[in-house]
Every structure is written in C-alpha cells, then in structure tokens.
Amino acid sequence: MKWWRQISRWAILLAVTVVVTVPLTKLGVPSAALFAALVVGMVLALTSAGPARVPRRLGVAAQGVLGVYIGTMVQQDALSALRDDWAIVLGVAIGTLVLSV
C-alpha cells in the first residue's frame, strides 16, 4: 500500500503544479512552470504532503535539465556587458561552486 501513497503524492505534485502554472503563464511570468514547481514543492514539503524523496537519478537528471534551461535564457547582451569583468564573474562562480560543495 505504501507504493500507492507515493504514486498519489507524485500525482498531486504534478497536478497542482500544472494548475498553478496555467495562471502564471497567462500573467506572463517568465519561467512560470519553474516558479510554480518551486512554490508547490515547498508547500507540499512543509505540509508533509509531498513525495518522501526524489530518486537520485531523477534528481540529477532534473538538475541537468534546469541547467540547460537556464543556460538558454542567457542573452548575448548580458554576456557582452560582462566582457570586461569576466575574471570577477568567473571568480564568483568558482567561489560559489567551492562553497556549495
């Protein structure tokens, strides 16, 4: 019976995320699905109504997808503006990576 509970929690997470994504998209919120998933995931986690845990492979795959998605949102103008300060940006990125590991 435990597997049924986990499946239903994943289904609730998916359904509520879709329901929240639709109005955010209509309001023109950038990356509406990401924001909806973040908010819904936090609410379900805080109320202990979400899935117990994310399987490791699924978590790694999700991080990869998010990384690629965020990378596609970088615009050429932003990169051009950072051209003269690339060393500082690289230092901050490496520092953040080191601290997070």
PDB file of N, CA and C in Angstrom:
ATOM      1  N   MET A   1       0.819  -1.199   0.000  1.00  0.00           N
ATOM      2  CA  MET A   1       0.000   0.000   0.000  1.00  0.00           C
ATOM      3  C   MET A   1       0.860   1.259   0.000  1.00  0.00           C
ATOM      4  N   LYS A   2       2.103   1.128   0.495  1.00  0.00           N
ATOM      5  CA  LYS A   2       2.972   2.291   0.549  1.00  0.00           C
ATOM      6  C   LYS A   2       3.283   2.839  -0.843  1.00  0.00           C
ATOM      7  N   TRP A   3       3.486   1.964  -1.830  1.00  0.00           N
ATOM      8  CA  TRP A   3       3.789   2.430  -3.177  1.00  0.00           C
ATOM      9  C   TRP A   3       2.629   3.236  -3.741  1.00  0.00           C
ATOM     10  N   TRP A   4       1.396   2.894  -3.391  1.00  0.00           N
ATOM     11  CA  TRP A   4       0.236   3.626  -3.885  1.00  0.00           C
ATOM     12  C   TRP A   4       0.233   5.048  -3.313  1.00  0.00           C
ATOM     13  N   ARG A   5       0.616   5.185  -2.053  1.00  0.00           N
ATOM     14  CA  ARG A   5       0.674   6.504  -1.420  1.00  0.00           C
ATOM     15  C   ARG A   5       1.711   7.383  -2.116  1.00  0.00           C
ATOM     16  N   GLN A   6       2.871   6.809  -2.432  1.00  0.00           N
ATOM     17  CA  GLN A   6       3.917   7.578  -3.108  1.00  0.00           C
ATOM     18  C   GLN A   6       3.475   8.010  -4.501  1.00  0.00           C
ATOM     19  N   ILE A   7       2.832   7.112  -5.241  1.00  0.00           N
ATOM     20  CA  ILE A   7       2.341   7.458  -6.573  1.00  0.00           C
ATOM     21  C   ILE A   7       1.309   8.564  -6.485  1.00  0.00           C
ATOM     22  N   SER A   8       0.425   8.488  -5.513  1.00  0.00           N
ATOM     23  CA  SER A   8      -0.596   9.533  -5.383  1.00  0.00           C
ATOM     24  C   SER A   8       0.027  10.870  -4.999  1.00  0.00           C
ATOM     25  N   ARG A   9       1.088  10.864  -4.188  1.00  0.00           N
ATOM     26  CA  ARG A   9       1.760  12.119  -3.833  1.00  0.00           C
ATOM     27  C   ARG A   9       2.451  12.738  -5.043  1.00  0.00           C
ATOM     28  N   TRP A  10       3.070  11.903  -5.880  1.00  0.00           N
ATOM     29  CA  TRP A  10       3.679  12.426  -7.103  1.00  0.00           C
ATOM     30  C   TRP A  10       2.603  12.976  -8.038  1.00  0.00           C
ATOM     31  N   ALA A  11       1.473  12.295  -8.122  1.00  0.00           N
ATOM     32  CA  ALA A  11       0.370  12.758  -8.979  1.00  0.00           C
ATOM     33  C   ALA A  11      -0.171  14.098  -8.488  1.00  0.00           C
ATOM     34  N   ILE A  12      -0.301  14.240  -7.171  1.00  0.00           N
ATOM     35  CA  ILE A  12      -0.762  15.516  -6.599  1.00  0.00           C
ATOM     36  C   ILE A  12       0.238  16.622  -6.916  1.00  0.00           C
ATOM     37  N   LEU A  13       1.516  16.334  -6.746  1.00  0.00           N
ATOM     38  CA  LEU A  13       2.554  17.319  -7.055  1.00  0.00           C
ATOM     39  C   LEU A  13       2.461  17.762  -8.510  1.00  0.00           C
ATOM     40  N   LEU A  14       2.333  16.832  -9.412  1.00  0.00           N
ATOM     41  CA  LEU A  14       2.235  17.154 -10.834  1.00  0.00           C
ATOM     42  C   LEU A  14       0.970  17.953 -11.147  1.00  0.00           C
ATOM     43  N   ALA A  15      -0.162  17.495 -10.642  1.00  0.00           N
ATOM     44  CA  ALA A  15      -1.434  18.149 -10.941  1.00  0.00           C
ATOM     45  C   ALA A  15      -1.481  19.579 -10.395  1.00  0.00           C
ATOM     46  N   VAL A  16      -1.072  19.765  -9.160  1.00  0.00           N
ATOM     47  CA  VAL A  16      -1.114  21.107  -8.568  1.00  0.00           C
ATOM     48  C   VAL A  16      -0.122  22.033  -9.277  1.00  0.00           C
ATOM     49  N   THR A  17       1.028  21.501  -9.678  1.00  0.00           N
ATOM     50  CA  THR A  17       1.997  22.310 -10.407  1.00  0.00           C
ATOM     51  C   THR A  17       1.409  22.789 -11.731  1.00  0.00           C
ATOM     52  N   VAL A  18       0.733  21.916 -12.439  1.00  0.00           N
ATOM     53  CA  VAL A  18       0.099  22.311 -13.708  1.00  0.00           C
ATOM     54  C   VAL A  18      -0.976  23.356 -13.459  1.00  0.00           C
ATOM     55  N   VAL A  19      -1.782  23.154 -12.422  1.00  0.00           N
ATOM     56  CA  VAL A  19      -2.859  24.102 -12.110  1.00  0.00           C
ATOM     57  C   VAL A  19      -2.294  25.483 -11.774  1.00  0.00           C
ATOM     58  N   VAL A  20      -1.183  25.547 -11.081  1.00  0.00           N
ATOM     59  CA  VAL A  20      -0.568  26.827 -10.720  1.00  0.00           C
ATOM     60  C   VAL A  20       0.172  27.428 -11.911  1.00  0.00           C
ATOM     61  N   THR A  21       0.713  26.595 -12.785  1.00  0.00           N
ATOM     62  CA  THR A  21       1.469  27.082 -13.943  1.00  0.00           C
ATOM     63  C   THR A  21       0.579  27.832 -14.927  1.00  0.00           C
ATOM     64  N   VAL A  22      -0.624  27.368 -15.140  1.00  0.00           N
ATOM     65  CA  VAL A  22      -1.506  27.968 -16.149  1.00  0.00           C
ATOM     66  C   VAL A  22      -1.768  29.451 -15.875  1.00  0.00           C
ATOM     67  N   PRO A  23      -2.220  29.847 -14.681  1.00  0.00           N
ATOM     68  CA  PRO A  23      -2.448  31.288 -14.475  1.00  0.00           C
ATOM     69  C   PRO A  23      -1.150  32.100 -14.501  1.00  0.00           C
ATOM     70  N   LEU A  24      -0.056  31.518 -14.010  1.00  0.00           N
ATOM     71  CA  LEU A  24       1.209  32.244 -14.056  1.00  0.00           C
ATOM     72  C   LEU A  24       1.638  32.493 -15.500  1.00  0.00           C
ATOM     73  N   THR A  25       1.402  31.526 -16.372  1.00  0.00           N
ATOM     74  CA  THR A  25       1.721  31.691 -17.784  1.00  0.00           C
ATOM     75  C   THR A  25       0.855  32.774 -18.401  1.00  0.00           C
ATOM     76  N   LYS A  26      -0.428  32.777 -18.062  1.00  0.00           N
ATOM     77  CA  LYS A  26      -1.336  33.795 -18.602  1.00  0.00           C
ATOM     78  C   LYS A  26      -0.985  35.186 -18.105  1.00  0.00           C
ATOM     79  N   LEU A  27      -0.411  35.278 -16.912  1.00  0.00           N
ATOM     80  CA  LEU A  27       0.034  36.568 -16.379  1.00  0.00           C
ATOM     81  C   LEU A  27       1.358  37.018 -16.995  1.00  0.00           C
ATOM     82  N   GLY A  28       2.004  36.133 -17.753  1.00  0.00           N
ATOM     83  CA  GLY A  28       3.256  36.474 -18.403  1.00  0.00           C
ATOM     84  C   GLY A  28       4.480  36.320 -17.519  1.00  0.00           C
ATOM     85  N   VAL A  29       4.376  35.519 -16.469  1.00  0.00           N
ATOM     86  CA  VAL A  29       5.518  35.288 -15.580  1.00  0.00           C
ATOM     87  C   VAL A  29       6.567  34.479 -16.338  1.00  0.00           C
ATOM     88  N   PRO A  30       7.813  34.982 -16.405  1.00  0.00           N
ATOM     89  CA  PRO A  30       8.850  34.199 -17.083  1.00  0.00           C
ATOM     90  C   PRO A  30       9.133  32.899 -16.319  1.00  0.00           C
ATOM     91  N   SER A  31       9.339  31.838 -17.049  1.00  0.00           N
ATOM     92  CA  SER A  31       9.603  30.522 -16.454  1.00  0.00           C
ATOM     93  C   SER A  31       8.516  30.140 -15.448  1.00  0.00           C
ATOM     94  N   ALA A  32       7.280  30.307 -15.858  1.00  0.00           N
ATOM     95  CA  ALA A  32       6.146  30.062 -14.969  1.00  0.00           C
ATOM     96  C   ALA A  32       6.155  28.649 -14.387  1.00  0.00           C
ATOM     97  N   ALA A  33       6.506  27.665 -15.197  1.00  0.00           N
ATOM     98  CA  ALA A  33       6.498  26.284 -14.705  1.00  0.00           C
ATOM     99  C   ALA A  33       7.550  26.085 -13.618  1.00  0.00           C
ATOM    100  N   LEU A  34       8.701  26.731 -13.754  1.00  0.00           N
ATOM    101  CA  LEU A  34       9.738  26.598 -12.724  1.00  0.00           C
ATOM    102  C   LEU A  34       9.297  27.235 -11.411  1.00  0.00           C
ATOM    103  N   PHE A  35       8.713  28.421 -11.499  1.00  0.00           N
ATOM    104  CA  PHE A  35       8.238  29.083 -10.283  1.00  0.00           C
ATOM    105  C   PHE A  35       7.093  28.297  -9.647  1.00  0.00           C
ATOM    106  N   ALA A  36       6.183  27.810 -10.464  1.00  0.00           N
ATOM    107  CA  ALA A  36       5.065  27.025  -9.932  1.00  0.00           C
ATOM    108  C   ALA A  36       5.571  25.776  -9.232  1.00  0.00           C
ATOM    109  N   ALA A  37       6.499  25.064  -9.865  1.00  0.00           N
ATOM    110  CA  ALA A  37       7.034  23.847  -9.251  1.00  0.00           C
ATOM    111  C   ALA A  37       7.761  24.156  -7.952  1.00  0.00           C
ATOM    112  N   LEU A  38       8.476  25.263  -7.918  1.00  0.00           N
ATOM    113  CA  LEU A  38       9.192  25.653  -6.701  1.00  0.00           C
ATOM    114  C   LEU A  38       8.215  25.922  -5.557  1.00  0.00           C
ATOM    115  N   VAL A  39       7.196  26.715  -5.831  1.00  0.00           N
ATOM    116  CA  VAL A  39       6.227  27.085  -4.786  1.00  0.00           C
ATOM    117  C   VAL A  39       5.420  25.858  -4.344  1.00  0.00           C
ATOM    118  N   VAL A  40       4.926  25.095  -5.298  1.00  0.00           N
ATOM    119  CA  VAL A  40       4.129  23.912  -4.963  1.00  0.00           C
ATOM    120  C   VAL A  40       4.976  22.903  -4.195  1.00  0.00           C
ATOM    121  N   GLY A  41       6.204  22.697  -4.637  1.00  0.00           N
ATOM    122  CA  GLY A  41       7.092  21.767  -3.941  1.00  0.00           C
ATOM    123  C   GLY A  41       7.351  22.191  -2.508  1.00  0.00           C
ATOM    124  N   MET A  42       7.569  23.505  -2.295  1.00  0.00           N
ATOM    125  CA  MET A  42       7.804  23.997  -0.929  1.00  0.00           C
ATOM    126  C   MET A  42       6.577  23.794  -0.055  1.00  0.00           C
ATOM    127  N   VAL A  43       5.406  24.134  -0.591  1.00  0.00           N
ATOM    128  CA  VAL A  43       4.172  23.997   0.199  1.00  0.00           C
ATOM    129  C   VAL A  43       3.923  22.531   0.549  1.00  0.00           C
ATOM    130  N   LEU A  44       4.072  21.650  -0.428  1.00  0.00           N
ATOM    131  CA  LEU A  44       3.842  20.229  -0.151  1.00  0.00           C
ATOM    132  C   LEU A  44       4.879  19.672   0.814  1.00  0.00           C
ATOM    133  N   ALA A  45       6.115  20.122   0.700  1.00  0.00           N
ATOM    134  CA  ALA A  45       7.147  19.650   1.629  1.00  0.00           C
ATOM    135  C   ALA A  45       6.880  20.140   3.046  1.00  0.00           C
ATOM    136  N   LEU A  46       6.486  21.393   3.181  1.00  0.00           N
ATOM    137  CA  LEU A  46       6.226  21.950   4.513  1.00  0.00           C
ATOM    138  C   LEU A  46       4.996  21.336   5.178  1.00  0.00           C
ATOM    139  N   THR A  47       4.061  20.869   4.375  1.00  0.00           N
ATOM    140  CA  THR A  47       2.857  20.240   4.929  1.00  0.00           C
ATOM    141  C   THR A  47       2.974  18.712   4.964  1.00  0.00           C
ATOM    142  N   SER A  48       4.142  18.194   4.621  1.00  0.00           N
ATOM    143  CA  SER A  48       4.400  16.750   4.570  1.00  0.00           C
ATOM    144  C   SER A  48       3.439  16.021   3.642  1.00  0.00           C
ATOM    145  N   ALA A  49       2.993  16.693   2.593  1.00  0.00           N
ATOM    146  CA  ALA A  49       2.067  16.080   1.636  1.00  0.00           C
ATOM    147  C   ALA A  49       2.766  15.683   0.344  1.00  0.00           C
ATOM    148  N   GLY A  50       4.044  16.007   0.216  1.00  0.00           N
ATOM    149  CA  GLY A  50       4.787  15.691  -1.000  1.00  0.00           C
ATOM    150  C   GLY A  50       5.404  14.315  -0.945  1.00  0.00           C
ATOM    151  N   PRO A  51       6.031  13.920  -2.049  1.00  0.00           N
ATOM    152  CA  PRO A  51       6.726  12.629  -2.074  1.00  0.00           C
ATOM    153  C   PRO A  51       7.816  12.575  -1.015  1.00  0.00           C
ATOM    154  N   ALA A  52       8.083  11.376  -0.523  1.00  0.00           N
ATOM    155  CA  ALA A  52       9.061  11.213   0.554  1.00  0.00           C
ATOM    156  C   ALA A  52      10.455  11.631   0.118  1.00  0.00           C
ATOM    157  N   ARG A  53      10.861  11.227  -1.077  1.00  0.00           N
ATOM    158  CA  ARG A  53      12.176  11.600  -1.580  1.00  0.00           C
ATOM    159  C   ARG A  53      12.203  11.456  -3.087  1.00  0.00           C
ATOM    160  N   VAL A  54      13.157  12.148  -3.691  1.00  0.00           N
ATOM    161  CA  VAL A  54      13.346  12.065  -5.132  1.00  0.00           C
ATOM    162  C   VAL A  54      14.448  11.043  -5.396  1.00  0.00           C
ATOM    163  N   PRO A  55      14.203  10.083  -6.262  1.00  0.00           N
ATOM    164  CA  PRO A  55      15.266   9.134  -6.591  1.00  0.00           C
ATOM    165  C   PRO A  55      16.502   9.868  -7.136  1.00  0.00           C
ATOM    166  N   ARG A  56      17.684   9.391  -6.780  1.00  0.00           N
ATOM    167  CA  ARG A  56      18.932  10.085  -7.130  1.00  0.00           C
ATOM    168  C   ARG A  56      19.059  10.351  -8.623  1.00  0.00           C
ATOM    169  N   ARG A  57      18.812   9.371  -9.452  1.00  0.00           N
ATOM    170  CA  ARG A  57      18.940   9.560 -10.906  1.00  0.00           C
ATOM    171  C   ARG A  57      17.980  10.620 -11.420  1.00  0.00           C
ATOM    172  N   LEU A  58      16.776  10.633 -10.877  1.00  0.00           N
ATOM    173  CA  LEU A  58      15.797  11.631 -11.295  1.00  0.00           C
ATOM    174  C   LEU A  58      16.239  13.025 -10.852  1.00  0.00           C
ATOM    175  N   GLY A  59      16.795  13.135  -9.656  1.00  0.00           N
ATOM    176  CA  GLY A  59      17.286  14.422  -9.170  1.00  0.00           C
ATOM    177  C   GLY A  59      18.433  14.958 -10.010  1.00  0.00           C
ATOM    178  N   VAL A  60      19.363  14.087 -10.371  1.00  0.00           N
ATOM    179  CA  VAL A  60      20.497  14.501 -11.214  1.00  0.00           C
ATOM    180  C   VAL A  60      19.995  14.914 -12.600  1.00  0.00           C
ATOM    181  N   ALA A  61      19.065  14.156 -13.153  1.00  0.00           N
ATOM    182  CA  ALA A  61      18.504  14.497 -14.465  1.00  0.00           C
ATOM    183  C   ALA A  61      17.782  15.843 -14.412  1.00  0.00           C
ATOM    184  N   ALA A  62      17.040  16.082 -13.351  1.00  0.00           N
ATOM    185  CA  ALA A  62      16.323  17.350 -13.209  1.00  0.00           C
ATOM    186  C   ALA A  62      17.295  18.522 -13.118  1.00  0.00           C
ATOM    187  N   GLN A  63      18.390  18.350 -12.385  1.00  0.00           N
ATOM    188  CA  GLN A  63      19.386  19.410 -12.296  1.00  0.00           C
ATOM    189  C   GLN A  63      20.011  19.687 -13.655  1.00  0.00           C
ATOM    190  N   GLY A  64      20.249  18.652 -14.428  1.00  0.00           N
ATOM    191  CA  GLY A  64      20.788  18.837 -15.776  1.00  0.00           C
ATOM    192  C   GLY A  64      19.831  19.601 -16.667  1.00  0.00           C
ATOM    193  N   VAL A  65      18.559  19.227 -16.620  1.00  0.00           N
ATOM    194  CA  VAL A  65      17.551  19.920 -17.427  1.00  0.00           C
ATOM    195  C   VAL A  65      17.451  21.388 -17.021  1.00  0.00           C
ATOM    196  N   LEU A  66      17.444  21.653 -15.715  1.00  0.00           N
ATOM    197  CA  LEU A  66      17.383  23.036 -15.250  1.00  0.00           C
ATOM    198  C   LEU A  66      18.608  23.830 -15.675  1.00  0.00           C
ATOM    199  N   GLY A  67      19.775  23.216 -15.609  1.00  0.00           N
ATOM    200  CA  GLY A  67      20.985  23.902 -16.041  1.00  0.00           C
ATOM    201  C   GLY A  67      20.935  24.292 -17.503  1.00  0.00           C
ATOM    202  N   VAL A  68      20.490  23.382 -18.339  1.00  0.00           N
ATOM    203  CA  VAL A  68      20.373  23.671 -19.764  1.00  0.00           C
ATOM    204  C   VAL A  68      19.314  24.747 -19.998  1.00  0.00           C
ATOM    205  N   TYR A  69      18.198  24.645 -19.307  1.00  0.00           N
ATOM    206  CA  TYR A  69      17.115  25.621 -19.470  1.00  0.00           C
ATOM    207  C   TYR A  69      17.574  27.022 -19.078  1.00  0.00           C
ATOM    208  N   ILE A  70      18.248  27.128 -17.954  1.00  0.00           N
ATOM    209  CA  ILE A  70      18.744  28.422 -17.504  1.00  0.00           C
ATOM    210  C   ILE A  70      19.797  28.948 -18.484  1.00  0.00           C
ATOM    211  N   GLY A  71      20.626  28.054 -19.000  1.00  0.00           N
ATOM    212  CA  GLY A  71      21.632  28.462 -19.976  1.00  0.00           C
ATOM    213  C   GLY A  71      21.021  29.018 -21.251  1.00  0.00           C
ATOM    214  N   THR A  72      19.872  28.489 -21.657  1.00  0.00           N
ATOM    215  CA  THR A  72      19.224  29.001 -22.870  1.00  0.00           C
ATOM    216  C   THR A  72      18.616  30.378 -22.663  1.00  0.00           C
ATOM    217  N   MET A  73      18.423  30.777 -21.412  1.00  0.00           N
ATOM    218  CA  MET A  73      17.831  32.088 -21.140  1.00  0.00           C
ATOM    219  C   MET A  73      18.871  33.207 -21.122  1.00  0.00           C
ATOM    220  N   VAL A  74      20.163  32.881 -21.139  1.00  0.00           N
ATOM    221  CA  VAL A  74      21.216  33.891 -21.150  1.00  0.00           C
ATOM    222  C   VAL A  74      21.209  34.579 -22.508  1.00  0.00           C
ATOM    223  N   GLN A  75      21.200  35.900 -22.480  1.00  0.00           N
ATOM    224  CA  GLN A  75      21.153  36.664 -23.719  1.00  0.00           C
ATOM    225  C   GLN A  75      22.532  37.212 -24.060  1.00  0.00           C
ATOM    226  N   GLN A  76      22.759  37.408 -25.346  1.00  0.00           N
ATOM    227  CA  GLN A  76      24.043  37.893 -25.835  1.00  0.00           C
ATOM    228  C   GLN A  76      24.396  39.245 -25.219  1.00  0.00           C
ATOM    229  N   ASP A  77      23.406  40.113 -25.013  1.00  0.00           N
ATOM    230  CA  ASP A  77      23.661  41.439 -24.431  1.00  0.00           C
ATOM    231  C   ASP A  77      24.258  41.316 -23.026  1.00  0.00           C
ATOM    232  N   ALA A  78      23.760  40.356 -22.245  1.00  0.00           N
ATOM    233  CA  ALA A  78      24.266  40.172 -20.887  1.00  0.00           C
ATOM    234  C   ALA A  78      25.722  39.718 -20.916  1.00  0.00           C
ATOM    235  N   LEU A  79      26.036  38.814 -21.813  1.00  0.00           N
ATOM    236  CA  LEU A  79      27.419  38.358 -21.925  1.00  0.00           C
ATOM    237  C   LEU A  79      28.337  39.479 -22.394  1.00  0.00           C
ATOM    238  N   SER A  80      27.853  40.294 -23.325  1.00  0.00           N
ATOM    239  CA  SER A  80      28.658  41.424 -23.817  1.00  0.00           C
ATOM    240  C   SER A  80      28.922  42.423 -22.702  1.00  0.00           C
ATOM    241  N   ALA A  81      27.944  42.641 -21.840  1.00  0.00           N
ATOM    242  CA  ALA A  81      28.106  43.601 -20.745  1.00  0.00           C
ATOM    243  C   ALA A  81      29.134  43.124 -19.723  1.00  0.00           C
ATOM    244  N   LEU A  82      29.303  41.825 -19.602  1.00  0.00           N
ATOM    245  CA  LEU A  82      30.255  41.264 -18.635  1.00  0.00           C
ATOM    246  C   LEU A  82      31.648  41.037 -19.220  1.00  0.00           C
ATOM    247  N   ARG A  83      31.824  41.381 -20.479  1.00  0.00           N
ATOM    248  CA  ARG A  83      33.076  41.095 -21.175  1.00  0.00           C
ATOM    249  C   ARG A  83      34.301  41.635 -20.450  1.00  0.00           C
ATOM    250  N   ASP A  84      34.244  42.857 -19.949  1.00  0.00           N
ATOM    251  CA  ASP A  84      35.400  43.465 -19.289  1.00  0.00           C
ATOM    252  C   ASP A  84      35.617  42.936 -17.869  1.00  0.00           C
ATOM    253  N   ASP A  85      34.594  42.342 -17.280  1.00  0.00           N
ATOM    254  CA  ASP A  85      34.686  41.859 -15.901  1.00  0.00           C
ATOM    255  C   ASP A  85      34.635  40.343 -15.822  1.00  0.00           C
ATOM    256  N   TRP A  86      35.099  39.654 -16.851  1.00  0.00           N
ATOM    257  CA  TRP A  86      34.970  38.201 -16.904  1.00  0.00           C
ATOM    258  C   TRP A  86      35.717  37.511 -15.766  1.00  0.00           C
ATOM    259  N   ALA A  87      36.852  38.085 -15.338  1.00  0.00           N
ATOM    260  CA  ALA A  87      37.634  37.446 -14.267  1.00  0.00           C
ATOM    261  C   ALA A  87      36.862  37.466 -12.942  1.00  0.00           C
ATOM    262  N   ILE A  88      36.192  38.582 -12.672  1.00  0.00           N
ATOM    263  CA  ILE A  88      35.405  38.686 -11.436  1.00  0.00           C
ATOM    264  C   ILE A  88      34.233  37.702 -11.471  1.00  0.00           C
ATOM    265  N   VAL A  89      33.549  37.658 -12.601  1.00  0.00           N
ATOM    266  CA  VAL A  89      32.407  36.745 -12.742  1.00  0.00           C
ATOM    267  C   VAL A  89      32.865  35.298 -12.591  1.00  0.00           C
ATOM    268  N   LEU A  90      33.965  34.957 -13.213  1.00  0.00           N
ATOM    269  CA  LEU A  90      34.497  33.601 -13.107  1.00  0.00           C
ATOM    270  C   LEU A  90      34.904  33.288 -11.665  1.00  0.00           C
ATOM    271  N   GLY A  91      35.529  34.242 -10.987  1.00  0.00           N
ATOM    272  CA  GLY A  91      35.919  34.053  -9.590  1.00  0.00           C
ATOM    273  C   GLY A  91      34.724  33.826  -8.676  1.00  0.00           C
ATOM    274  N   VAL A  92      33.668  34.605  -8.876  1.00  0.00           N
ATOM    275  CA  VAL A  92      32.451  34.436  -8.074  1.00  0.00           C
ATOM    276  C   VAL A  92      31.804  33.082  -8.361  1.00  0.00           C
ATOM    277  N   ALA A  93      31.776  32.680  -9.625  1.00  0.00           N
ATOM    278  CA  ALA A  93      31.186  31.386  -9.981  1.00  0.00           C
ATOM    279  C   ALA A  93      31.973  30.243  -9.343  1.00  0.00           C
ATOM    280  N   ILE A  94      33.276  30.303  -9.429  1.00  0.00           N
ATOM    281  CA  ILE A  94      34.110  29.238  -8.833  1.00  0.00           C
ATOM    282  C   ILE A  94      33.986  29.251  -7.310  1.00  0.00           C
ATOM    283  N   GLY A  95      33.972  30.444  -6.712  1.00  0.00           N
ATOM    284  CA  GLY A  95      33.810  30.549  -5.264  1.00  0.00           C
ATOM    285  C   GLY A  95      32.487  29.963  -4.795  1.00  0.00           C
ATOM    286  N   THR A  96      31.423  30.243  -5.537  1.00  0.00           N
ATOM    287  CA  THR A  96      30.116  29.697  -5.198  1.00  0.00           C
ATOM    288  C   THR A  96      30.120  28.176  -5.313  1.00  0.00           C
ATOM    289  N   LEU A  97      30.734  27.669  -6.365  1.00  0.00           N
ATOM    290  CA  LEU A  97      30.823  26.221  -6.539  1.00  0.00           C
ATOM    291  C   LEU A  97      31.609  25.562  -5.404  1.00  0.00           C
ATOM    292  N   VAL A  98      32.736  26.161  -5.035  1.00  0.00           N
ATOM    293  CA  VAL A  98      33.564  25.618  -3.951  1.00  0.00           C
ATOM    294  C   VAL A  98      32.799  25.625  -2.634  1.00  0.00           C
ATOM    295  N   LEU A  99      32.112  26.718  -2.330  1.00  0.00           N
ATOM    296  CA  LEU A  99      31.357  26.796  -1.080  1.00  0.00           C
ATOM    297  C   LEU A  99      30.188  25.829  -1.045  1.00  0.00           C
ATOM    298  N   SER A 100      29.570  25.597  -2.174  1.00  0.00           N
ATOM    299  CA  SER A 100      28.401  24.704  -2.207  1.00  0.00           C
ATOM    300  C   SER A 100      28.800  23.236  -2.120  1.00  0.00           C
ATOM    301  N   VAL A 101      30.024  22.925  -2.557  1.00  0.00           N
ATOM    302  CA  VAL A 101      30.474  21.531  -2.498  1.00  0.00           C
ATOM    303  C   VAL A 101      30.878  21.214  -1.083  1.00  0.00           C
TER     304      VAL A 101
END
